[in-house]
């Protein structure tokens, strides 16, 4: 039996940073994952492939609107097979980079499916000898949630996995769920000519985003070619003559494909037919502030535990856990995990929403800034959108929401303000280069106190 100081099950954005950090501290570390899965859901089935498709869709949109820039581009077209090939090449390049980085750090890689047994024993498919470790970390990630009531023919009824490997753009697509996955992939297919209908049973799209912004974005997304229905339910789904038949709020409609995007669940396959039992709570692995599960010496991070199912949250967990193991007194705080949606326009938010502040009776000031007044945004043809900041009476940022160009990058300014308790007055002393999109955030902060130049 091979022994290690640490075995990490899962090579995603939580698992591989933890393995690398501990190996660089001189620990004997092993990591287990399928060869094609290093990088995790984010790299192989989520963040990166979706953004690659969105980049192709965004550039196709620019081609179709080249005339707005004084350019001509007659008969703009696309090659879906090459779009998919580009996406696959990007994920392969990044996956190979992660594997090389782990090997350079001194981590032992086991390429197979891991099963966890009692007393911290791990068996890996394709390997005869079991593994044993003083500590085990479950960085197992998540998989698409597909309720049993939905049909299972994945040629027609897709999860995000099938959508990312579609061999063609369907003529029509029903998206069940108006969260991040549904909105992003819905926009990809809509841009390439698919008739997309998104059905969200909650009163708004993108749960977690403040209600006012979600409402404001509805016409923006509808303008991009998507039909969006909120507060509605898909009553039934079935297959008929190779197509999908759906009953939506009592009305029967037909689609070429269906994307089931109702969320994700923890990947618990590591316990399949083993003798170990790890307690869960509301579908998540139960852990303490030290990330330890109910099985002594077994820890869990990322999508498997409480907190948002986001790649950067998993990497944060890895950093905190590694620091704890090094004797530092730190605990996780998820109150400032930024959320981003990479559609056109992008959306990002962090901290408390205006809805939450109102519900809790918290006093705050609101600052707004429009991208239509930002020179850099206008020169890029991206004047739609705004920034909203929520500032406490002491001048510190409580929350921010952005929709518009590069929102996923600008949100870092808001996160830093809140993280380090920087007041609006101190922030106003920071020089922002001109012309930049980040100036719009500075304006939104200053406008909360009435000190902004452009009001």
Protein backbone atom coordinates (compact mmCIF):
# COMPACT_ATOMS: atom_id res chain seq x y z
CA UNK A 1 0.00 0.00 0.00
CA UNK A 2 1.39 3.39 -1.04
CA UNK A 3 1.29 6.02 1.70
CA UNK A 4 1.12 9.80 1.46
CA UNK A 5 0.78 12.80 3.75
CA UNK A 6 -2.19 13.99 1.70
CA UNK A 7 -4.39 12.51 -1.00
CA UNK A 8 -6.62 14.92 -2.90
CA UNK A 9 -9.59 13.41 -4.70
CA UNK A 10 -10.46 15.72 -7.56
CA UNK A 11 -8.21 17.84 -9.76
CA UNK A 12 -10.38 20.90 -10.16
CA UNK A 13 -9.88 24.52 -9.06
CA UNK A 14 -10.03 23.46 -5.42
CA UNK A 15 -8.10 20.20 -5.58
CA UNK A 16 -5.11 21.03 -7.74
CA UNK A 17 -4.17 24.30 -5.95
CA UNK A 18 -4.37 22.51 -2.59
CA UNK A 19 -2.17 19.67 -3.85
CA UNK A 20 0.39 22.09 -5.27
CA UNK A 21 0.46 24.29 -2.16
CA UNK A 22 1.04 21.35 0.18
CA UNK A 23 3.63 19.68 -2.07
CA UNK A 24 5.61 22.93 -2.13
CA UNK A 25 5.56 22.81 1.68
CA UNK A 26 7.45 19.53 1.48
CA UNK A 27 4.49 17.19 1.95
CA UNK A 28 4.16 13.92 0.07
CA UNK A 29 1.01 14.55 -1.95
CA UNK A 30 -1.07 12.51 -4.39
CA UNK A 31 -3.99 13.68 -6.49
CA UNK A 32 -6.56 11.47 -8.19
CA UNK A 33 -8.77 12.28 -11.16
CA UNK A 34 -9.60 11.06 -14.64
CA UNK A 35 -6.93 12.16 -17.10
CA UNK A 36 -9.55 14.06 -19.10
CA UNK A 37 -10.94 15.71 -15.95
CA UNK A 38 -7.91 17.53 -14.49
CA UNK A 39 -9.01 21.11 -14.15
CA UNK A 40 -12.42 19.97 -12.92
CA UNK A 41 -15.87 21.08 -13.93
CA UNK A 42 -14.67 24.65 -14.44
CA UNK A 43 -12.09 23.80 -17.05
CA UNK A 44 -13.77 20.89 -18.78
CA UNK A 45 -17.53 21.33 -18.38
CA UNK A 46 -18.19 24.84 -17.13
CA UNK A 47 -16.36 28.15 -16.93
CA UNK A 48 -13.78 27.81 -19.67
CA UNK A 49 -15.67 25.97 -22.46
CA UNK A 50 -18.71 28.20 -21.92
CA UNK A 51 -16.56 31.33 -22.14
CA UNK A 52 -14.91 30.01 -25.31
CA UNK A 53 -18.34 29.62 -26.91
CA UNK A 54 -19.43 33.02 -25.63
CA UNK A 55 -16.29 34.57 -27.15
CA UNK A 56 -17.16 33.08 -30.54
CA UNK A 57 -20.74 34.28 -30.18
CA UNK A 58 -19.60 37.76 -29.14
CA UNK A 59 -17.25 38.09 -32.09
CA UNK A 60 -19.96 36.85 -34.46
CA UNK A 61 -22.22 39.56 -33.04
CA UNK A 62 -19.53 42.15 -33.81
CA UNK A 63 -19.22 40.87 -37.37
CA UNK A 64 -22.95 41.26 -37.89
CA UNK A 65 -22.79 44.81 -36.54
CA UNK A 66 -19.56 45.85 -38.23
CA UNK A 67 -21.38 48.68 -40.01
CA UNK A 68 -21.71 50.51 -36.70
CA UNK A 69 -17.92 50.91 -36.73
CA UNK A 70 -17.77 52.05 -40.35
CA UNK A 71 -16.72 48.60 -41.49
CA UNK A 72 -18.26 46.22 -44.00
CA UNK A 73 -18.56 42.47 -43.54
CA UNK A 74 -20.92 40.97 -46.06
CA UNK A 75 -22.37 37.52 -45.49
CA UNK A 76 -20.86 36.92 -42.06
CA UNK A 77 -21.03 33.22 -41.27
CA UNK A 78 -19.75 30.61 -38.85
CA UNK A 79 -18.40 27.08 -38.78
CA UNK A 80 -19.81 25.36 -35.68
CA UNK A 81 -17.36 22.46 -35.91
CA UNK A 82 -14.42 24.89 -35.78
CA UNK A 83 -16.01 26.77 -32.88
CA UNK A 84 -16.21 23.50 -30.93
CA UNK A 85 -12.66 22.58 -31.99
CA UNK A 86 -11.36 25.92 -30.72
CA UNK A 87 -13.13 25.38 -27.41
CA UNK A 88 -11.68 21.87 -27.08
CA UNK A 89 -8.15 23.08 -27.89
CA UNK A 90 -8.33 25.75 -25.20
CA UNK A 91 -9.43 23.27 -22.53
CA UNK A 92 -6.75 20.79 -23.63
CA UNK A 93 -4.01 23.43 -23.43
CA UNK A 94 -5.05 24.50 -19.94
CA UNK A 95 -5.48 20.91 -18.75
CA UNK A 96 -2.00 19.97 -19.91
CA UNK A 97 -0.63 23.05 -18.18
CA UNK A 98 -2.20 22.02 -14.87
CA UNK A 99 -0.80 18.50 -15.13
CA UNK A 100 2.71 19.81 -15.86
CA UNK A 101 2.47 22.29 -12.98
CA UNK A 102 1.47 19.52 -10.54
CA UNK A 103 4.28 17.27 -11.70
CA UNK A 104 6.79 20.12 -11.34
CA UNK A 105 5.51 20.77 -7.80
CA UNK A 106 6.25 17.14 -6.91
CA UNK A 107 2.65 15.89 -6.75
CA UNK A 108 2.08 12.23 -7.68
CA UNK A 109 -0.77 11.93 -10.18
CA UNK A 110 -3.13 8.96 -10.34
CA UNK A 111 -5.29 9.07 -13.45
CA UNK A 112 -8.44 7.15 -12.71
CA UNK A 113 -11.65 7.04 -10.66
CA UNK A 114 -11.18 7.24 -6.89
CA UNK A 115 -13.16 5.32 -4.28
CA UNK A 116 -12.80 6.20 -0.60
CA UNK A 117 -12.88 3.50 2.11
CA UNK A 118 -12.67 3.53 5.88
CA UNK A 119 -9.41 4.45 7.62
CA UNK A 120 -8.46 6.82 4.77
CA UNK A 121 -7.86 4.14 2.15
CA UNK A 122 -8.31 5.08 -1.49
CA UNK A 123 -8.59 2.71 -4.43
CA UNK A 124 -8.08 4.03 -7.95
CA UNK A 125 -9.40 2.37 -11.11
CA UNK A 126 -6.58 1.03 -13.24
CA UNK A 127 -4.20 0.66 -10.28
CA UNK A 128 -3.77 -2.55 -8.27
CA UNK A 129 -2.23 -1.08 -5.14
CA UNK A 130 -4.45 0.87 -2.72
CA UNK A 131 -3.38 4.25 -1.34
CA UNK A 132 -3.37 5.45 2.25
CA UNK A 133 -2.89 8.89 3.71
CA UNK A 134 -2.81 10.82 6.97
CA UNK A 135 -5.20 13.33 5.43
CA UNK A 136 -7.63 13.13 2.52
CA UNK A 137 -9.35 16.07 0.90
CA UNK A 138 -12.52 15.65 -1.12
CA UNK A 139 -12.40 18.21 -3.91
CA UNK A 140 -14.94 16.22 -5.89
CA UNK A 141 -16.86 19.07 -7.47
CA UNK A 142 -20.40 18.88 -8.77
CA UNK A 143 -22.40 17.47 -11.67
CA UNK A 144 -25.52 18.77 -13.44
CA UNK A 145 -28.74 18.18 -11.53
CA UNK A 146 -31.27 16.45 -13.77
CA UNK A 147 -34.47 15.66 -11.85
CA UNK A 148 -35.79 12.15 -12.40
CA UNK A 149 -39.09 13.52 -13.75
CA UNK A 150 -37.28 14.72 -16.89
CA UNK A 151 -36.60 12.36 -19.83
CA UNK A 152 -33.12 10.84 -19.94
CA UNK A 153 -32.49 10.70 -23.70
CA UNK A 154 -29.44 12.96 -23.75
CA UNK A 155 -29.56 13.29 -27.55
CA UNK A 156 -32.60 15.52 -27.07
CA UNK A 157 -32.76 16.43 -23.39
CA UNK A 158 -29.38 17.95 -22.68
CA UNK A 159 -27.58 18.87 -19.52
CA UNK A 160 -24.86 21.51 -19.83
CA UNK A 161 -22.41 18.69 -20.61
CA UNK A 162 -24.21 17.75 -23.83
CA UNK A 163 -24.83 21.37 -24.78
CA UNK A 164 -21.09 22.08 -24.68
CA UNK A 165 -20.47 19.22 -27.10
CA UNK A 166 -23.41 19.79 -29.43
CA UNK A 167 -22.59 18.68 -32.96
CA UNK A 168 -24.79 21.42 -34.46
CA UNK A 169 -26.80 24.48 -33.51
CA UNK A 170 -30.41 23.30 -33.02
CA UNK A 171 -33.28 25.01 -34.79
CA UNK A 172 -34.98 25.60 -31.45
CA UNK A 173 -34.03 25.15 -27.80
CA UNK A 174 -36.01 25.15 -24.58
CA UNK A 175 -33.88 26.08 -21.57
CA UNK A 176 -35.34 24.93 -18.26
CA UNK A 177 -33.85 27.30 -15.70
CA UNK A 178 -32.90 30.97 -15.95
CA UNK A 179 -29.74 30.85 -13.84
CA UNK A 180 -26.20 31.53 -15.00
CA UNK A 181 -25.84 28.31 -17.02
CA UNK A 182 -29.18 28.72 -18.76
CA UNK A 183 -28.69 32.39 -19.63
CA UNK A 184 -25.10 31.99 -20.87
CA UNK A 185 -25.69 28.93 -23.04
CA UNK A 186 -29.05 30.28 -24.17
CA UNK A 187 -27.36 33.40 -25.50
CA UNK A 188 -24.68 31.36 -27.28
CA UNK A 189 -27.21 29.37 -29.27
CA UNK A 190 -29.46 32.39 -29.87
CA UNK A 191 -26.57 34.34 -31.38
CA UNK A 192 -26.02 31.56 -33.90
CA UNK A 193 -29.63 31.57 -35.05
CA UNK A 194 -31.37 29.18 -32.66
CA UNK A 195 -34.84 30.09 -31.39
CA UNK A 196 -34.28 30.01 -27.64
CA UNK A 197 -36.98 29.97 -24.97
CA UNK A 198 -35.88 30.20 -21.32
CA UNK A 199 -38.35 29.24 -18.61
CA UNK A 200 -37.59 30.18 -15.01
CA UNK A 201 -40.06 29.25 -12.28
CA UNK A 202 -38.79 31.96 -9.91
CA UNK A 203 -40.08 35.55 -10.30
CA UNK A 204 -36.76 36.69 -11.82
CA UNK A 205 -33.84 35.40 -13.86
CA UNK A 206 -30.45 34.95 -12.22
CA UNK A 207 -31.47 34.28 -8.61
CA UNK A 208 -29.04 36.10 -6.32
CA UNK A 209 -28.92 39.18 -8.52
CA UNK A 210 -30.86 42.10 -7.07
CA UNK A 211 -34.42 42.27 -8.37
CA UNK A 212 -34.19 45.72 -9.95
CA UNK A 213 -31.19 44.78 -12.06
CA UNK A 214 -32.74 41.46 -13.08
CA UNK A 215 -35.86 43.30 -14.29
CA UNK A 216 -33.76 45.86 -16.18
CA UNK A 217 -31.89 43.08 -17.98
CA UNK A 218 -35.01 41.31 -19.24
CA UNK A 219 -35.50 43.57 -22.30
CA UNK A 220 -31.75 43.52 -22.94
CA UNK A 221 -31.68 39.73 -23.21
CA UNK A 222 -34.93 39.60 -25.16
CA UNK A 223 -33.38 42.03 -27.66
CA UNK A 224 -30.56 39.52 -28.15
CA UNK A 225 -33.10 37.02 -29.46
CA UNK A 226 -34.12 35.04 -26.40
CA UNK A 227 -37.69 34.50 -25.28
CA UNK A 228 -37.68 34.57 -21.47
CA UNK A 229 -40.56 33.52 -19.24
CA UNK A 230 -40.31 34.07 -15.47
CA UNK A 231 -42.70 32.82 -12.82
CA UNK A 232 -43.64 29.99 -15.18
CA UNK A 233 -43.22 26.25 -14.90
CA UNK A 234 -42.47 23.45 -17.34
CA UNK A 235 -45.34 21.14 -16.43
CA UNK A 236 -44.18 18.18 -18.52
CA UNK A 237 -41.55 17.05 -20.99
CA UNK A 238 -41.63 14.09 -23.33
CA UNK A 239 -40.16 12.88 -26.60
CA UNK A 240 -42.25 12.75 -29.76
CA UNK A 241 -40.94 11.83 -33.21
CA UNK A 242 -37.35 12.69 -32.28
CA UNK A 243 -38.26 16.10 -30.84
CA UNK A 244 -39.17 17.45 -27.42
CA UNK A 245 -42.76 18.14 -26.50
CA UNK A 246 -43.13 20.53 -23.57
CA UNK A 247 -46.11 21.84 -21.66
CA UNK A 248 -45.28 25.29 -20.31
CA UNK A 249 -47.78 26.92 -18.00
CA UNK A 250 -50.52 24.81 -19.59
CA UNK A 251 -49.49 25.48 -23.20
CA UNK A 252 -48.01 22.69 -25.37
CA UNK A 253 -44.92 23.59 -27.45
CA UNK A 254 -42.38 21.68 -29.51
CA UNK A 255 -38.57 22.09 -29.56
CA UNK A 256 -35.64 20.45 -31.30
CA UNK A 257 -33.66 20.22 -28.04
CA UNK A 258 -34.08 20.92 -24.34
CA UNK A 259 -31.34 22.15 -21.99
CA UNK A 260 -31.99 21.18 -18.37
CA UNK A 261 -30.23 23.90 -16.37
CA UNK A 262 -31.85 23.69 -12.95
CA UNK A 263 -28.66 23.62 -10.92
CA UNK A 264 -25.92 21.26 -9.83
CA UNK A 265 -25.41 18.64 -7.12
CA UNK A 266 -22.36 17.30 -5.31
CA UNK A 267 -20.48 14.51 -7.07
CA UNK A 268 -20.71 11.71 -4.50
CA UNK A 269 -19.38 8.93 -6.74
CA UNK A 270 -16.30 8.55 -4.52
CA UNK A 271 -18.49 6.65 -2.02
CA UNK A 272 -20.14 4.37 -4.57
CA UNK A 273 -20.20 0.80 -3.19
CA UNK A 274 -17.64 1.56 -0.46
CA UNK A 275 -17.77 1.09 3.32
CA UNK A 276 -17.30 4.72 4.27
CA UNK A 277 -20.12 7.01 5.37
CA UNK A 278 -19.79 10.78 5.31
CA UNK A 279 -22.66 12.87 6.58
CA UNK A 280 -24.36 15.36 4.32
CA UNK A 281 -26.62 18.29 5.07
CA UNK A 282 -29.05 19.63 2.48
CA UNK A 283 -27.20 17.70 -0.20
CA UNK A 284 -23.77 19.07 0.75
CA UNK A 285 -20.95 17.36 2.63
CA UNK A 286 -21.08 18.45 6.25
CA UNK A 287 -17.88 20.11 7.50
CA UNK A 288 -16.69 22.28 10.36
CA UNK A 289 -14.78 25.53 10.10
CA UNK A 290 -11.65 23.37 9.72
CA UNK A 291 -13.19 21.73 6.60
CA UNK A 292 -13.12 18.32 8.32
CA UNK A 293 -16.01 15.99 7.55
CA UNK A 294 -17.63 13.53 9.96
CA UNK A 295 -14.97 11.00 8.93
CA UNK A 296 -11.76 11.75 10.92
CA UNK A 297 -8.90 12.91 8.74
CA UNK A 298 -11.16 13.46 5.72
CA UNK A 299 -11.73 17.03 4.60
CA UNK A 300 -13.85 18.61 1.87
CA UNK A 301 -13.74 21.87 -0.11
CA UNK A 302 -15.33 23.61 -3.09
CA UNK A 303 -18.68 22.67 -4.59
CA UNK A 304 -18.97 19.73 -2.18
CA UNK A 305 -19.58 21.96 0.85
CA UNK A 306 -21.59 25.03 1.82
CA UNK A 307 -21.10 28.28 -0.05
CA UNK A 308 -21.53 29.23 -3.69
CA UNK A 309 -20.62 26.61 -6.31
CA UNK A 310 -17.97 28.74 -8.00
CA UNK A 311 -14.44 27.94 -9.13
CA UNK A 312 -12.89 30.91 -7.33
CA UNK A 313 -14.65 29.94 -4.12
CA UNK A 314 -13.10 26.44 -4.41
CA UNK A 315 -9.63 27.96 -4.91
CA UNK A 316 -10.26 30.19 -1.89
CA UNK A 317 -11.18 27.11 0.17
CA UNK A 318 -7.90 25.49 -0.89
CA UNK A 319 -5.94 28.55 0.20
CA UNK A 320 -7.69 28.73 3.59
CA UNK A 321 -7.32 25.00 4.28
CA UNK A 322 -3.64 25.01 3.34
CA UNK A 323 -3.10 28.00 5.66
CA UNK A 324 -4.88 26.21 8.51
CA UNK A 325 -2.69 23.15 8.03
CA UNK A 326 0.33 25.44 8.22
CA UNK A 327 -0.80 26.61 11.66
CA UNK A 328 -2.37 29.93 10.69
CA UNK A 329 -5.54 31.07 12.45
CA UNK A 330 -7.88 31.72 9.55
CA UNK A 331 -11.46 30.73 8.72
CA UNK A 332 -13.45 31.01 5.52
CA UNK A 333 -15.70 34.02 4.95
CA UNK A 334 -17.96 33.79 1.90
CA UNK A 335 -19.64 37.18 2.31
CA UNK A 336 -17.55 38.76 -0.46
CA UNK A 337 -17.43 36.06 -3.13
CA UNK A 338 -18.03 37.85 -6.44
CA UNK A 339 -20.59 36.40 -8.86
CA UNK A 340 -20.19 36.90 -12.60
CA UNK A 341 -22.29 36.18 -15.68
CA UNK A 342 -20.32 36.32 -18.93
CA UNK A 343 -23.12 37.17 -21.31
CA UNK A 344 -23.23 40.24 -23.54
CA UNK A 345 -23.50 42.45 -21.57
CA UNK A 346 -21.60 40.97 -18.65
CA UNK A 347 -23.09 41.04 -15.15
CA UNK A 348 -21.27 40.95 -11.82
CA UNK A 349 -22.14 41.57 -8.20
CA UNK A 350 -20.55 41.27 -4.77
CA UNK A 351 -21.51 41.84 -1.15
CA UNK A 352 -25.03 42.62 0.00
CA UNK A 353 -27.81 43.39 -2.46
CA UNK A 354 -30.12 46.37 -2.20
CA UNK A 355 -33.00 43.95 -1.57
CA UNK A 356 -31.19 42.51 1.47
CA UNK A 357 -30.25 45.91 2.88
CA UNK A 358 -33.84 47.12 2.63
CA UNK A 359 -35.18 43.93 4.22
CA UNK A 360 -32.75 44.28 7.14
CA UNK A 361 -33.38 47.99 7.63
CA UNK A 362 -29.74 48.92 6.97
CA UNK A 363 -29.04 52.58 6.20
CA UNK A 364 -27.11 53.12 2.96
CA UNK A 365 -26.54 55.52 0.09
CA UNK A 366 -26.82 54.53 -3.58
CA UNK A 367 -24.43 55.65 -6.27
CA UNK A 368 -24.99 55.04 -9.97
CA UNK A 369 -22.94 55.53 -13.10
CA UNK A 370 -24.01 54.84 -16.68
CA UNK A 371 -21.66 53.38 -19.27
CA UNK A 372 -23.37 55.66 -21.81
CA UNK A 373 -21.43 58.49 -20.12
CA UNK A 374 -18.11 56.63 -20.21
CA UNK A 375 -15.82 57.45 -23.12
CA UNK A 376 -14.07 54.09 -23.23
CA UNK A 377 -17.37 52.22 -23.31
CA UNK A 378 -18.76 54.38 -26.11
CA UNK A 379 -15.65 54.05 -28.27
CA UNK A 380 -15.98 50.26 -27.95
CA UNK A 381 -19.65 50.36 -28.93
CA UNK A 382 -20.63 49.15 -25.47
CA UNK A 383 -22.56 52.03 -23.94
CA UNK A 384 -25.37 49.91 -22.50
CA UNK A 385 -25.22 49.22 -18.77
CA UNK A 386 -24.67 50.78 -15.40
CA UNK A 387 -22.86 50.42 -12.10
CA UNK A 388 -24.65 50.63 -8.77
CA UNK A 389 -22.79 50.98 -5.48
CA UNK A 390 -24.27 50.68 -2.00
CA UNK A 391 -22.32 52.71 0.55
CA UNK A 392 -22.75 52.62 4.34
CA UNK A 393 -23.03 55.75 6.47
CA UNK A 394 -19.35 55.34 7.42
CA UNK A 395 -18.34 55.43 3.76
CA UNK A 396 -17.56 51.73 3.38
CA UNK A 397 -18.90 49.66 0.51
CA UNK A 398 -21.71 47.25 1.40
CA UNK A 399 -22.29 45.88 -2.08
CA UNK A 400 -22.16 46.59 -5.79
CA UNK A 401 -23.79 45.34 -8.96
CA UNK A 402 -22.54 45.97 -12.49
CA UNK A 403 -23.97 45.18 -15.89
CA UNK A 404 -22.06 46.27 -18.94
CA UNK A 405 -18.67 45.87 -20.60
CA UNK A 406 -15.99 44.04 -18.60
CA UNK A 407 -18.20 43.82 -15.51
CA UNK A 408 -16.34 40.67 -14.41
CA UNK A 409 -13.10 42.65 -14.22
CA UNK A 410 -14.47 45.88 -12.77
CA UNK A 411 -16.11 43.99 -9.89
CA UNK A 412 -12.62 43.43 -8.48
CA UNK A 413 -12.50 47.10 -7.48
CA UNK A 414 -15.70 46.67 -5.46
CA UNK A 415 -14.42 43.48 -3.85
CA UNK A 416 -11.17 45.14 -2.77
CA UNK A 417 -13.00 48.14 -1.30
CA UNK A 418 -15.25 45.91 0.78
CA UNK A 419 -12.55 43.38 1.69
CA UNK A 420 -10.16 45.98 3.09
CA UNK A 421 -12.73 48.45 4.45
CA UNK A 422 -11.61 51.32 2.24
CA UNK A 423 -13.91 54.33 2.56
CA UNK A 424 -15.37 56.22 -0.36
CA UNK A 425 -13.25 59.26 0.58
CA UNK A 426 -10.00 57.28 0.55
CA UNK A 427 -10.99 55.57 -2.69
CA UNK A 428 -11.58 58.93 -4.36
CA UNK A 429 -7.90 59.73 -3.77
CA UNK A 430 -6.89 56.85 -6.06
CA UNK A 431 -6.09 58.00 -9.60
CA UNK A 432 -7.92 56.08 -12.31
CA UNK A 433 -6.39 56.27 -15.80
CA UNK A 434 -8.43 57.89 -18.56
CA UNK A 435 -10.14 56.68 -20.62
CA UNK A 436 -10.98 53.41 -18.87
CA UNK A 437 -14.10 51.50 -17.93
CA UNK A 438 -12.99 51.53 -14.30
CA UNK A 439 -13.64 55.27 -14.21
CA UNK A 440 -17.33 54.40 -14.25
CA UNK A 441 -16.92 52.55 -10.98
CA UNK A 442 -15.11 55.52 -9.42
CA UNK A 443 -18.02 57.73 -10.53
CA UNK A 444 -20.57 55.36 -9.00
CA UNK A 445 -18.76 55.43 -5.65
CA UNK A 446 -18.46 59.23 -5.67
CA UNK A 447 -22.07 59.70 -6.79
CA UNK A 448 -23.31 57.96 -3.65
CA UNK A 449 -22.09 60.95 -1.62
CA UNK A 450 -22.89 63.51 -4.29
CA UNK A 451 -19.26 64.28 -5.02
CA UNK A 452 -19.10 62.81 -8.53
CA UNK A 453 -18.20 65.21 -11.31
CA UNK A 454 -20.78 63.90 -13.78
CA UNK A 455 -23.48 63.32 -11.19
